[in-house]
Amino acid sequence: METVRKTRKLPEQVADKLREMIIQESLKTGAKLPAEAELMERFGVSRSTVREAVKILQTEHIVDIRQGQGTFLCAMPGLASDPLGLRFADQEELIAQLRAAANVDETPLVRYEFDVFVPAGAWEGGV
């Protein structure tokens, strides 16, 4: 069972864990998330906390809740809060693409992309 720290509201923490789960398990468009009971057990929280967490992801256009069927990953997860879809992008592939762009064109935009989107220390060479 994964434990959740209590520094933020519990549903927000569970929503963070669900985002991590989606990324780590490489869930694809239309994939069904585990049932509420399984999520309750996995995160050690109540049904209402799981429901609130899923609603958070629904407002971020990450999941689609279909009554009587379950919760499914949206076609373009996170589009509303992350229009470029970078949160769910393959980070290694993104860094490789940015490296290639830096080799071709060292414009201020490329430098901005590195500053904003590449985690500190992920690209040893720098721009």
N, C-alpha and C. Protein backbone atom coordinates (compact mmCIF):
# COMPACT_ATOMS: atom_id res chain seq x y z
N MET A 1 0.84 -1.17 0.00
CA MET A 1 0.00 0.00 0.00
C MET A 1 0.89 1.24 0.00
N GLU A 2 0.59 2.20 -0.88
CA GLU A 2 1.35 3.45 -0.95
C GLU A 2 0.81 4.40 0.11
N THR A 3 1.70 5.07 0.82
CA THR A 3 1.26 6.03 1.83
C THR A 3 1.26 7.42 1.23
N VAL A 4 0.42 8.27 1.78
CA VAL A 4 0.26 9.63 1.28
C VAL A 4 0.53 10.60 2.42
N ARG A 5 1.38 11.60 2.17
CA ARG A 5 1.68 12.60 3.20
C ARG A 5 0.50 13.55 3.37
N LYS A 6 0.39 14.17 4.54
CA LYS A 6 -0.74 15.04 4.83
C LYS A 6 -0.36 16.52 4.83
N THR A 7 0.40 16.98 3.86
CA THR A 7 0.75 18.39 3.78
C THR A 7 -0.26 19.17 2.95
N ARG A 8 -0.90 18.50 2.01
CA ARG A 8 -1.95 19.10 1.19
C ARG A 8 -3.24 18.33 1.46
N LYS A 9 -4.34 18.82 0.90
CA LYS A 9 -5.60 18.11 1.08
C LYS A 9 -5.45 16.70 0.51
N LEU A 10 -6.02 15.76 1.21
CA LEU A 10 -5.87 14.35 0.85
C LEU A 10 -6.31 14.05 -0.59
N PRO A 11 -7.46 14.56 -1.06
CA PRO A 11 -7.83 14.28 -2.46
C PRO A 11 -6.80 14.79 -3.47
N GLU A 12 -6.16 15.92 -3.18
CA GLU A 12 -5.12 16.45 -4.07
C GLU A 12 -3.91 15.53 -4.09
N GLN A 13 -3.56 14.99 -2.93
CA GLN A 13 -2.43 14.06 -2.85
C GLN A 13 -2.72 12.78 -3.62
N VAL A 14 -3.95 12.28 -3.48
CA VAL A 14 -4.33 11.06 -4.20
C VAL A 14 -4.37 11.34 -5.70
N ALA A 15 -4.84 12.52 -6.09
CA ALA A 15 -4.84 12.89 -7.52
C ALA A 15 -3.40 12.88 -8.05
N ASP A 16 -2.45 13.38 -7.25
CA ASP A 16 -1.03 13.34 -7.65
C ASP A 16 -0.57 11.90 -7.84
N LYS A 17 -0.95 11.03 -6.90
CA LYS A 17 -0.55 9.62 -6.99
C LYS A 17 -1.19 8.97 -8.22
N LEU A 18 -2.42 9.34 -8.54
CA LEU A 18 -3.07 8.78 -9.73
C LEU A 18 -2.36 9.24 -11.00
N ARG A 19 -1.95 10.51 -11.05
CA ARG A 19 -1.19 11.01 -12.20
C ARG A 19 0.10 10.20 -12.36
N GLU A 20 0.81 9.99 -11.24
CA GLU A 20 2.05 9.20 -11.27
C GLU A 20 1.78 7.78 -11.76
N MET A 21 0.67 7.19 -11.29
CA MET A 21 0.32 5.84 -11.69
C MET A 21 0.08 5.77 -13.20
N ILE A 22 -0.63 6.76 -13.73
CA ILE A 22 -0.92 6.80 -15.17
C ILE A 22 0.39 6.87 -15.96
N ILE A 23 1.31 7.68 -15.51
CA ILE A 23 2.59 7.84 -16.21
C ILE A 23 3.45 6.59 -16.05
N GLN A 24 3.61 6.11 -14.82
CA GLN A 24 4.48 4.96 -14.55
C GLN A 24 3.99 3.69 -15.23
N GLU A 25 2.67 3.51 -15.29
CA GLU A 25 2.13 2.31 -15.90
C GLU A 25 1.90 2.49 -17.41
N SER A 26 2.28 3.66 -17.93
CA SER A 26 2.16 3.97 -19.36
C SER A 26 0.76 3.65 -19.89
N LEU A 27 -0.25 4.11 -19.16
CA LEU A 27 -1.62 3.86 -19.60
C LEU A 27 -1.89 4.62 -20.89
N LYS A 28 -2.60 3.99 -21.78
CA LYS A 28 -2.89 4.57 -23.09
C LYS A 28 -4.31 5.12 -23.12
N THR A 29 -4.59 5.90 -24.15
CA THR A 29 -5.91 6.47 -24.36
C THR A 29 -6.98 5.39 -24.23
N GLY A 30 -8.01 5.69 -23.46
CA GLY A 30 -9.12 4.76 -23.29
C GLY A 30 -8.90 3.70 -22.24
N ALA A 31 -7.70 3.65 -21.65
CA ALA A 31 -7.43 2.64 -20.62
C ALA A 31 -8.33 2.88 -19.41
N LYS A 32 -8.81 1.81 -18.85
CA LYS A 32 -9.68 1.90 -17.68
C LYS A 32 -8.84 1.92 -16.41
N LEU A 33 -9.11 2.88 -15.54
CA LEU A 33 -8.43 2.95 -14.26
C LEU A 33 -8.99 1.88 -13.33
N PRO A 34 -8.24 1.49 -12.33
CA PRO A 34 -8.74 0.50 -11.38
C PRO A 34 -10.04 1.00 -10.71
N ALA A 35 -10.84 0.06 -10.22
CA ALA A 35 -12.10 0.39 -9.55
C ALA A 35 -11.82 1.18 -8.26
N GLU A 36 -12.85 1.90 -7.80
CA GLU A 36 -12.71 2.69 -6.58
C GLU A 36 -12.19 1.86 -5.41
N ALA A 37 -12.73 0.65 -5.25
CA ALA A 37 -12.32 -0.20 -4.12
C ALA A 37 -10.83 -0.51 -4.18
N GLU A 38 -10.32 -0.77 -5.38
CA GLU A 38 -8.89 -1.06 -5.52
C GLU A 38 -8.05 0.18 -5.22
N LEU A 39 -8.51 1.35 -5.67
CA LEU A 39 -7.79 2.60 -5.40
C LEU A 39 -7.82 2.92 -3.90
N MET A 40 -8.96 2.64 -3.25
CA MET A 40 -9.07 2.85 -1.80
C MET A 40 -8.01 2.03 -1.07
N GLU A 41 -7.89 0.78 -1.46
CA GLU A 41 -6.92 -0.12 -0.83
C GLU A 41 -5.49 0.32 -1.15
N ARG A 42 -5.26 0.64 -2.40
CA ARG A 42 -3.91 1.01 -2.86
C ARG A 42 -3.37 2.23 -2.12
N PHE A 43 -4.24 3.24 -1.92
CA PHE A 43 -3.79 4.49 -1.30
C PHE A 43 -4.18 4.62 0.17
N GLY A 44 -4.95 3.67 0.69
CA GLY A 44 -5.33 3.70 2.10
C GLY A 44 -6.21 4.87 2.45
N VAL A 45 -7.19 5.18 1.58
CA VAL A 45 -8.09 6.31 1.80
C VAL A 45 -9.54 5.86 1.63
N SER A 46 -10.45 6.76 1.96
CA SER A 46 -11.88 6.45 1.86
C SER A 46 -12.39 6.59 0.42
N ARG A 47 -13.59 6.05 0.19
CA ARG A 47 -14.23 6.14 -1.12
C ARG A 47 -14.44 7.61 -1.53
N SER A 48 -14.86 8.44 -0.58
CA SER A 48 -15.11 9.85 -0.93
C SER A 48 -13.81 10.55 -1.34
N THR A 49 -12.70 10.20 -0.73
CA THR A 49 -11.41 10.79 -1.11
C THR A 49 -11.03 10.36 -2.52
N VAL A 50 -11.22 9.07 -2.83
CA VAL A 50 -10.93 8.58 -4.18
C VAL A 50 -11.81 9.31 -5.19
N ARG A 51 -13.09 9.46 -4.88
CA ARG A 51 -14.01 10.13 -5.81
C ARG A 51 -13.60 11.58 -6.04
N GLU A 52 -13.22 12.28 -4.97
CA GLU A 52 -12.78 13.67 -5.12
C GLU A 52 -11.50 13.74 -5.97
N ALA A 53 -10.60 12.83 -5.75
CA ALA A 53 -9.34 12.80 -6.51
C ALA A 53 -9.62 12.57 -7.99
N VAL A 54 -10.51 11.65 -8.29
CA VAL A 54 -10.86 11.36 -9.68
C VAL A 54 -11.54 12.57 -10.31
N LYS A 55 -12.37 13.28 -9.54
CA LYS A 55 -13.02 14.49 -10.06
C LYS A 55 -11.98 15.57 -10.38
N ILE A 56 -10.93 15.65 -9.57
CA ILE A 56 -9.84 16.60 -9.87
C ILE A 56 -9.24 16.27 -11.23
N LEU A 57 -8.97 14.98 -11.46
CA LEU A 57 -8.39 14.56 -12.75
C LEU A 57 -9.38 14.79 -13.89
N GLN A 58 -10.67 14.67 -13.60
CA GLN A 58 -11.67 14.92 -14.63
C GLN A 58 -11.66 16.40 -15.03
N THR A 59 -11.53 17.30 -14.06
CA THR A 59 -11.51 18.73 -14.39
C THR A 59 -10.26 19.11 -15.16
N GLU A 60 -9.19 18.32 -15.01
CA GLU A 60 -7.94 18.56 -15.74
C GLU A 60 -7.93 17.84 -17.09
N HIS A 61 -9.05 17.22 -17.43
CA HIS A 61 -9.21 16.47 -18.70
C HIS A 61 -8.18 15.35 -18.82
N ILE A 62 -7.97 14.67 -17.71
CA ILE A 62 -7.07 13.52 -17.70
C ILE A 62 -7.88 12.23 -17.79
N VAL A 63 -9.02 12.21 -17.08
CA VAL A 63 -9.88 11.03 -17.12
C VAL A 63 -11.31 11.42 -17.49
N ASP A 64 -12.03 10.41 -17.95
CA ASP A 64 -13.44 10.55 -18.29
C ASP A 64 -14.21 9.55 -17.42
N ILE A 65 -15.18 10.04 -16.66
CA ILE A 65 -15.97 9.18 -15.79
C ILE A 65 -17.23 8.79 -16.55
N ARG A 66 -17.42 7.49 -16.72
CA ARG A 66 -18.62 6.99 -17.41
C ARG A 66 -19.45 6.20 -16.39
N GLN A 67 -20.59 6.78 -16.04
CA GLN A 67 -21.44 6.17 -15.02
C GLN A 67 -21.77 4.71 -15.36
N GLY A 68 -21.52 3.83 -14.43
CA GLY A 68 -21.81 2.42 -14.60
C GLY A 68 -20.75 1.65 -15.36
N GLN A 69 -19.77 2.35 -15.93
CA GLN A 69 -18.73 1.68 -16.72
C GLN A 69 -17.35 1.80 -16.07
N GLY A 70 -17.06 2.96 -15.49
CA GLY A 70 -15.77 3.16 -14.87
C GLY A 70 -15.14 4.49 -15.24
N THR A 71 -13.86 4.60 -14.97
CA THR A 71 -13.09 5.81 -15.24
C THR A 71 -12.02 5.47 -16.25
N PHE A 72 -11.94 6.27 -17.32
CA PHE A 72 -11.06 5.98 -18.44
C PHE A 72 -10.13 7.15 -18.73
N LEU A 73 -8.94 6.85 -19.24
CA LEU A 73 -7.98 7.88 -19.61
C LEU A 73 -8.47 8.59 -20.87
N CYS A 74 -8.47 9.91 -20.83
CA CYS A 74 -8.93 10.71 -21.97
C CYS A 74 -7.99 10.58 -23.16
N ALA A 75 -8.53 10.94 -24.32
CA ALA A 75 -7.76 10.86 -25.57
C ALA A 75 -6.54 11.78 -25.54
N MET A 76 -6.69 12.96 -24.98
CA MET A 76 -5.57 13.91 -24.90
C MET A 76 -5.44 14.35 -23.46
N PRO A 77 -4.85 13.49 -22.60
CA PRO A 77 -4.83 13.76 -21.17
C PRO A 77 -4.16 15.07 -20.80
N GLY A 78 -4.83 15.82 -19.92
CA GLY A 78 -4.26 17.04 -19.40
C GLY A 78 -4.32 18.23 -20.32
N LEU A 79 -5.04 18.13 -21.42
CA LEU A 79 -5.05 19.21 -22.41
C LEU A 79 -5.44 20.55 -21.82
N ALA A 80 -6.44 20.56 -20.93
CA ALA A 80 -6.91 21.82 -20.37
C ALA A 80 -5.84 22.52 -19.52
N SER A 81 -5.11 21.76 -18.70
CA SER A 81 -4.12 22.36 -17.81
C SER A 81 -2.70 22.30 -18.38
N ASP A 82 -2.50 21.51 -19.41
CA ASP A 82 -1.17 21.32 -20.01
C ASP A 82 -1.35 21.22 -21.53
N PRO A 83 -1.62 22.35 -22.20
CA PRO A 83 -1.98 22.30 -23.62
C PRO A 83 -0.95 21.62 -24.51
N LEU A 84 0.30 21.61 -24.13
CA LEU A 84 1.33 20.95 -24.95
C LEU A 84 1.47 19.48 -24.60
N GLY A 85 0.78 19.03 -23.56
CA GLY A 85 0.83 17.62 -23.17
C GLY A 85 2.18 17.18 -22.64
N LEU A 86 2.96 18.11 -22.09
CA LEU A 86 4.32 17.79 -21.64
C LEU A 86 4.35 16.95 -20.38
N ARG A 87 3.32 17.07 -19.54
CA ARG A 87 3.30 16.29 -18.30
C ARG A 87 3.30 14.80 -18.60
N PHE A 88 2.64 14.40 -19.69
CA PHE A 88 2.51 12.99 -20.02
C PHE A 88 3.43 12.57 -21.15
N ALA A 89 4.29 13.50 -21.59
CA ALA A 89 5.24 13.18 -22.66
C ALA A 89 6.35 12.30 -22.11
N ASP A 90 6.91 11.49 -22.98
CA ASP A 90 8.07 10.68 -22.63
C ASP A 90 9.23 11.66 -22.42
N GLN A 91 9.66 11.82 -21.16
CA GLN A 91 10.65 12.84 -20.83
C GLN A 91 11.98 12.62 -21.53
N GLU A 92 12.41 11.38 -21.69
CA GLU A 92 13.67 11.11 -22.38
C GLU A 92 13.57 11.51 -23.85
N GLU A 93 12.44 11.19 -24.46
CA GLU A 93 12.23 11.55 -25.87
C GLU A 93 12.16 13.07 -26.02
N LEU A 94 11.50 13.75 -25.10
CA LEU A 94 11.40 15.20 -25.14
C LEU A 94 12.79 15.83 -25.05
N ILE A 95 13.62 15.34 -24.14
CA ILE A 95 14.98 15.86 -23.99
C ILE A 95 15.79 15.62 -25.26
N ALA A 96 15.63 14.43 -25.86
CA ALA A 96 16.34 14.13 -27.11
C ALA A 96 15.92 15.09 -28.22
N GLN A 97 14.62 15.37 -28.30
CA GLN A 97 14.14 16.30 -29.32
C GLN A 97 14.66 17.72 -29.07
N LEU A 98 14.71 18.11 -27.80
CA LEU A 98 15.23 19.44 -27.48
C LEU A 98 16.73 19.53 -27.78
N ARG A 99 17.45 18.43 -27.50
CA ARG A 99 18.89 18.40 -27.85
C ARG A 99 19.08 18.58 -29.35
N ALA A 100 18.29 17.85 -30.13
CA ALA A 100 18.38 17.95 -31.59
C ALA A 100 18.06 19.37 -32.04
N ALA A 101 17.06 19.96 -31.43
CA ALA A 101 16.69 21.34 -31.79
C ALA A 101 17.81 22.31 -31.42
N ALA A 102 18.46 22.06 -30.28
CA ALA A 102 19.54 22.93 -29.85
C ALA A 102 20.73 22.85 -30.80
N ASN A 103 20.97 21.67 -31.37
CA ASN A 103 22.07 21.51 -32.32
C ASN A 103 21.80 22.22 -33.63
N VAL A 104 20.53 22.36 -33.97
CA VAL A 104 20.15 22.98 -35.24
C VAL A 104 19.97 24.47 -35.08
N ASP A 105 19.36 24.86 -33.96
CA ASP A 105 18.94 26.25 -33.83
C ASP A 105 19.05 26.69 -32.37
N GLU A 106 20.06 27.45 -32.05
CA GLU A 106 20.22 27.92 -30.67
C GLU A 106 19.54 29.28 -30.48
N THR A 107 18.25 29.32 -30.70
CA THR A 107 17.49 30.55 -30.53
C THR A 107 17.09 30.72 -29.07
N PRO A 108 16.67 31.93 -28.72
CA PRO A 108 16.20 32.14 -27.35
C PRO A 108 15.02 31.23 -26.99
N LEU A 109 14.19 30.85 -27.98
CA LEU A 109 13.07 29.97 -27.71
C LEU A 109 13.55 28.60 -27.24
N VAL A 110 14.57 28.07 -27.88
CA VAL A 110 15.11 26.77 -27.47
C VAL A 110 15.65 26.88 -26.05
N ARG A 111 16.36 27.96 -25.76
CA ARG A 111 16.88 28.16 -24.40
C ARG A 111 15.72 28.23 -23.40
N TYR A 112 14.65 28.91 -23.77
CA TYR A 112 13.47 29.01 -22.91
C TYR A 112 12.88 27.62 -22.67
N GLU A 113 12.78 26.80 -23.72
CA GLU A 113 12.22 25.45 -23.57
C GLU A 113 13.04 24.64 -22.58
N PHE A 114 14.36 24.76 -22.66
CA PHE A 114 15.20 24.03 -21.71
C PHE A 114 14.96 24.54 -20.29
N ASP A 115 14.92 25.86 -20.12
CA ASP A 115 14.74 26.42 -18.78
C ASP A 115 13.41 26.01 -18.17
N VAL A 116 12.36 25.95 -18.98
CA VAL A 116 11.03 25.68 -18.46
C VAL A 116 10.71 24.20 -18.37
N PHE A 117 11.06 23.42 -19.39
CA PHE A 117 10.56 22.06 -19.49
C PHE A 117 11.55 20.95 -19.13
N VAL A 118 12.81 21.23 -19.11
CA VAL A 118 13.79 20.18 -18.81
C VAL A 118 14.16 20.25 -17.34
N PRO A 119 13.98 19.15 -16.62
CA PRO A 119 14.34 19.15 -15.19
C PRO A 119 15.80 19.49 -14.99
N ALA A 120 16.09 20.21 -13.92
CA ALA A 120 17.47 20.60 -13.62
C ALA A 120 18.36 19.38 -13.59
N GLY A 121 19.47 19.46 -14.29
CA GLY A 121 20.46 18.38 -14.31
C GLY A 121 20.16 17.26 -15.29
N ALA A 122 19.00 17.34 -15.97
CA ALA A 122 18.63 16.25 -16.91
C ALA A 122 19.48 16.28 -18.16
N TRP A 123 20.00 17.45 -18.48
CA TRP A 123 20.82 17.54 -19.69
C TRP A 123 22.16 18.12 -19.27
N GLU A 124 23.13 17.25 -19.10
CA GLU A 124 24.43 17.67 -18.56
C GLU A 124 25.14 18.69 -19.41
N GLY A 125 24.96 18.63 -20.73
CA GLY A 125 25.68 19.51 -21.63
C GLY A 125 25.25 20.96 -21.57
N GLY A 126 23.99 21.22 -21.16
CA GLY A 126 23.48 22.57 -21.15
C GLY A 126 23.36 23.13 -22.54
N VAL A 127 22.89 24.34 -22.64
CA VAL A 127 22.75 25.00 -23.96
C VAL A 127 23.74 26.11 -24.02
